[in-house]
C-alpha atoms as a PDB file:
ATOM      1  CA  UNK A   1      14.474  -3.510 -13.510  1.00  0.00           C
ATOM      2  CA  UNK A   2      12.181  -1.969 -11.001  1.00  0.00           C
ATOM      3  CA  UNK A   3      10.954  -4.364  -8.265  1.00  0.00           C
ATOM      4  CA  UNK A   4       8.388  -3.452  -5.297  1.00  0.00           C
ATOM      5  CA  UNK A   5       8.172  -5.625  -2.217  1.00  0.00           C
ATOM      6  CA  UNK A   6       5.741  -5.530   0.605  1.00  0.00           C
ATOM      7  CA  UNK A   7       6.523  -6.896   3.616  1.00  0.00           C
ATOM      8  CA  UNK A   8       4.052  -6.534   7.702  1.00  0.00           C
ATOM      9  CA  UNK A   9       0.848  -8.654   6.250  1.00  0.00           C
ATOM     10  CA  UNK A  10      -0.041 -11.353   8.874  1.00  0.00           C
ATOM     11  CA  UNK A  11      -2.820 -12.220  11.134  1.00  0.00           C
ATOM     12  CA  UNK A  12      -4.480  -9.664  13.977  1.00  0.00           C
ATOM     13  CA  UNK A  13      -7.593 -10.075  15.677  1.00  0.00           C
ATOM     14  CA  UNK A  14     -10.488  -7.465  15.262  1.00  0.00           C
ATOM     15  CA  UNK A  15      -9.104  -4.116  16.790  1.00  0.00           C
ATOM     16  CA  UNK A  16      -5.394  -4.672  16.275  1.00  0.00           C
ATOM     17  CA  UNK A  17      -2.768  -2.869  14.027  1.00  0.00           C
ATOM     18  CA  UNK A  18      -0.498  -3.616  11.168  1.00  0.00           C
ATOM     19  CA  UNK A  19       2.071  -1.717   9.529  1.00  0.00           C
ATOM     20  CA  UNK A  20       2.831  -2.247   6.225  1.00  0.00           C
ATOM     21  CA  UNK A  21       5.955  -1.337   4.390  1.00  0.00           C
ATOM     22  CA  UNK A  22       6.715  -1.174   0.663  1.00  0.00           C
ATOM     23  CA  UNK A  23      10.536  -0.949  -0.788  1.00  0.00           C
ATOM     24  CA  UNK A  24      11.433  -0.441  -4.394  1.00  0.00           C
ATOM     25  CA  UNK A  25      14.653  -1.743  -6.046  1.00  0.00           C
ATOM     26  CA  UNK A  26      15.961  -0.929  -8.640  1.00  0.00           C
ATOM     27  CA  UNK A  27      16.299   2.792  -9.683  1.00  0.00           C
ATOM     28  CA  UNK A  28      13.012   4.890 -10.392  1.00  0.00           C
ATOM     29  CA  UNK A  29      12.541   8.594  -9.580  1.00  0.00           C
ATOM     30  CA  UNK A  30      10.284  11.374  -9.894  1.00  0.00           C
ATOM     31  CA  UNK A  31       7.266   8.929  -8.228  1.00  0.00           C
ATOM     32  CA  UNK A  32       4.141  10.951  -8.423  1.00  0.00           C
ATOM     33  CA  UNK A  33       1.977   8.620  -6.787  1.00  0.00           C
ATOM     34  CA  UNK A  34       2.252   5.594  -4.023  1.00  0.00           C
ATOM     35  CA  UNK A  35      -0.493   4.117  -3.393  1.00  0.00           C
ATOM     36  CA  UNK A  36      -1.960   0.696  -1.102  1.00  0.00           C
ATOM     37  CA  UNK A  37      -4.823  -1.399  -2.892  1.00  0.00           C
ATOM     38  CA  UNK A  38      -6.535  -4.746  -1.838  1.00  0.00           C
ATOM     39  CA  UNK A  39      -8.201  -7.446  -3.113  1.00  0.00           C
ATOM     40  CA  UNK A  40     -10.413  -9.078  -0.965  1.00  0.00           C
ATOM     41  CA  UNK A  41     -11.765 -13.241  -1.667  1.00  0.00           C
ATOM     42  CA  UNK A  42     -14.744 -12.637  -4.434  1.00  0.00           C
ATOM     43  CA  UNK A  43     -14.180  -9.015  -4.883  1.00  0.00           C
ATOM     44  CA  UNK A  44     -12.561  -6.442  -7.320  1.00  0.00           C
ATOM     45  CA  UNK A  45      -9.334  -4.687  -6.227  1.00  0.00           C
ATOM     46  CA  UNK A  46      -9.868  -1.577  -4.542  1.00  0.00           C
ATOM     47  CA  UNK A  47      -7.889   1.780  -4.107  1.00  0.00           C
ATOM     48  CA  UNK A  48      -7.279   1.664  -0.171  1.00  0.00           C
ATOM     49  CA  UNK A  49      -4.933   4.954  -0.052  1.00  0.00           C
ATOM     50  CA  UNK A  50      -2.281   6.724  -1.963  1.00  0.00           C
ATOM     51  CA  UNK A  51      -0.216   9.765  -1.826  1.00  0.00           C
ATOM     52  CA  UNK A  52       1.278  12.323  -4.612  1.00  0.00           C
ATOM     53  CA  UNK A  53       4.703  13.867  -3.717  1.00  0.00           C
ATOM     54  CA  UNK A  54       3.352  16.849  -2.771  1.00  0.00           C
ATOM     55  CA  UNK A  55       1.743  14.956   0.387  1.00  0.00           C
ATOM     56  CA  UNK A  56      -1.479  14.979  -0.755  1.00  0.00           C
ATOM     57  CA  UNK A  57      -3.620  11.936   0.466  1.00  0.00           C
ATOM     58  CA  UNK A  58      -6.948  10.177  -0.803  1.00  0.00           C
ATOM     59  CA  UNK A  59      -8.179   7.408   1.390  1.00  0.00           C
ATOM     60  CA  UNK A  60     -11.000   4.844   0.339  1.00  0.00           C
ATOM     61  CA  UNK A  61     -14.097   5.831   2.784  1.00  0.00           C
ATOM     62  CA  UNK A  62     -14.089   2.343   4.513  1.00  0.00           C
ATOM     63  CA  UNK A  63     -10.887   3.071   5.878  1.00  0.00           C
ATOM     64  CA  UNK A  64     -10.845   7.003   6.905  1.00  0.00           C
ATOM     65  CA  UNK A  65      -9.464   7.621  10.426  1.00  0.00           C
ATOM     66  CA  UNK A  66      -8.231   3.886  11.029  1.00  0.00           C
ATOM     67  CA  UNK A  67      -5.334   3.621   7.996  1.00  0.00           C
ATOM     68  CA  UNK A  68      -2.641   6.529   7.679  1.00  0.00           C
ATOM     69  CA  UNK A  69      -0.180   6.426   4.352  1.00  0.00           C
ATOM     70  CA  UNK A  70       3.190   7.683   4.373  1.00  0.00           C
ATOM     71  CA  UNK A  71       6.418   7.646   1.752  1.00  0.00           C
ATOM     72  CA  UNK A  72       9.691   8.099   2.296  1.00  0.00           C
ATOM     73  CA  UNK A  73      10.782   9.475  -1.032  1.00  0.00           C
ATOM     74  CA  UNK A  74      14.707   9.691   0.026  1.00  0.00           C
ATOM     75  CA  UNK A  75      14.256   5.924   0.189  1.00  0.00           C
ATOM     76  CA  UNK A  76      11.579   5.351  -2.615  1.00  0.00           C
ATOM     77  CA  UNK A  77       9.135   3.617   0.125  1.00  0.00           C
ATOM     78  CA  UNK A  78       5.861   3.721   1.334  1.00  0.00           C
ATOM     79  CA  UNK A  79       3.857   3.103   4.395  1.00  0.00           C
ATOM     80  CA  UNK A  80       0.544   1.931   5.653  1.00  0.00           C
ATOM     81  CA  UNK A  81      -0.552   2.070   9.514  1.00  0.00           C
ATOM     82  CA  UNK A  82      -3.392   0.585   9.845  1.00  0.00           C
ATOM     83  CA  UNK A  83      -5.392   0.865  13.237  1.00  0.00           C
ATOM     84  CA  UNK A  84      -8.666  -0.754  14.228  1.00  0.00           C
ATOM     85  CA  UNK A  85      -8.697  -3.697  11.670  1.00  0.00           C
ATOM     86  CA  UNK A  86     -11.931  -5.129  11.213  1.00  0.00           C
ATOM     87  CA  UNK A  87     -12.687  -8.475   9.283  1.00  0.00           C
ATOM     88  CA  UNK A  88     -13.580  -6.447   6.325  1.00  0.00           C
ATOM     89  CA  UNK A  89      -9.940  -5.441   5.978  1.00  0.00           C
ATOM     90  CA  UNK A  90      -9.284  -8.950   5.406  1.00  0.00           C
ATOM     91  CA  UNK A  91      -7.330  -8.837   1.554  1.00  0.00           C
ATOM     92  CA  UNK A  92      -4.306  -9.577  -0.143  1.00  0.00           C
ATOM     93  CA  UNK A  93      -3.001  -5.773   0.091  1.00  0.00           C
ATOM     94  CA  UNK A  94      -0.845  -4.494  -2.948  1.00  0.00           C
ATOM     95  CA  UNK A  95       1.329  -1.025  -3.073  1.00  0.00           C
ATOM     96  CA  UNK A  96       1.846   0.567  -6.460  1.00  0.00           C
ATOM     97  CA  UNK A  97       4.314   3.558  -7.736  1.00  0.00           C
ATOM     98  CA  UNK A  98       4.349   5.478 -10.731  1.00  0.00           C
ATOM     99  CA  UNK A  99       7.048   7.079 -11.917  1.00  0.00           C
ATOM    100  CA  UNK A 100      10.282   7.178 -13.630  1.00  0.00           C
ATOM    101  CA  UNK A 101      12.336   4.402 -14.728  1.00  0.00           C
ATOM    102  CA  UNK A 102      14.964   2.942 -17.889  1.00  0.00           C
ATOM    103  CA  UNK A 103      10.861   2.161 -19.070  1.00  0.00           C
ATOM    104  CA  UNK A 104       9.807   4.744 -19.373  1.00  0.00           C
ATOM    105  CA  UNK A 105       6.966   6.744 -16.961  1.00  0.00           C
ATOM    106  CA  UNK A 106       5.007   3.914 -15.597  1.00  0.00           C
ATOM    107  CA  UNK A 107       2.989   1.969 -12.753  1.00  0.00           C
ATOM    108  CA  UNK A 108       4.580  -0.723 -10.803  1.00  0.00           C
ATOM    109  CA  UNK A 109       2.977  -3.261  -8.807  1.00  0.00           C
ATOM    110  CA  UNK A 110       4.114  -5.669  -6.036  1.00  0.00           C
ATOM    111  CA  UNK A 111       3.560  -9.217  -5.307  1.00  0.00           C
ATOM    112  CA  UNK A 112       1.372  -8.810  -2.442  1.00  0.00           C
ATOM    113  CA  UNK A 113       0.813  -9.546   1.450  1.00  0.00           C
ATOM    114  CA  UNK A 114      -1.933 -11.139   2.921  1.00  0.00           C
ATOM    115  CA  UNK A 115      -4.020  -9.164   5.691  1.00  0.00           C
ATOM    116  CA  UNK A 116      -5.836 -11.597   7.450  1.00  0.00           C
ATOM    117  CA  UNK A 117      -7.879  -9.992  10.292  1.00  0.00           C
ATOM    118  CA  UNK A 118      -9.763 -12.884  12.881  1.00  0.00           C
ATOM    119  CA  UNK A 119     -13.184 -11.617  14.893  1.00  0.00           C
END
């Protein structure tokens, strides 16, 4: 069974940086898309950034120029480098992978990691 585990969240001051990591356990292959989503209090979940197997990336307008997504296909990990953090970035961050496993071609989600940016 595939599970995704995020790490790297925490409390940081405005203007600071954090690096999130997400590791997949279990057998997953041909992971086409890896991404990061977030849900702020009282808001819907939104896409932060995603990265294709080709290396193509997409970012939410609110994080362009501040966040960088990357992936390591050899170990099925995805990262999110977050710089110049703002209070509005406070949210639970979830990683997502879309790929093949014994259960078929489907989405997998992590349990989330809290990021809190103080003023």
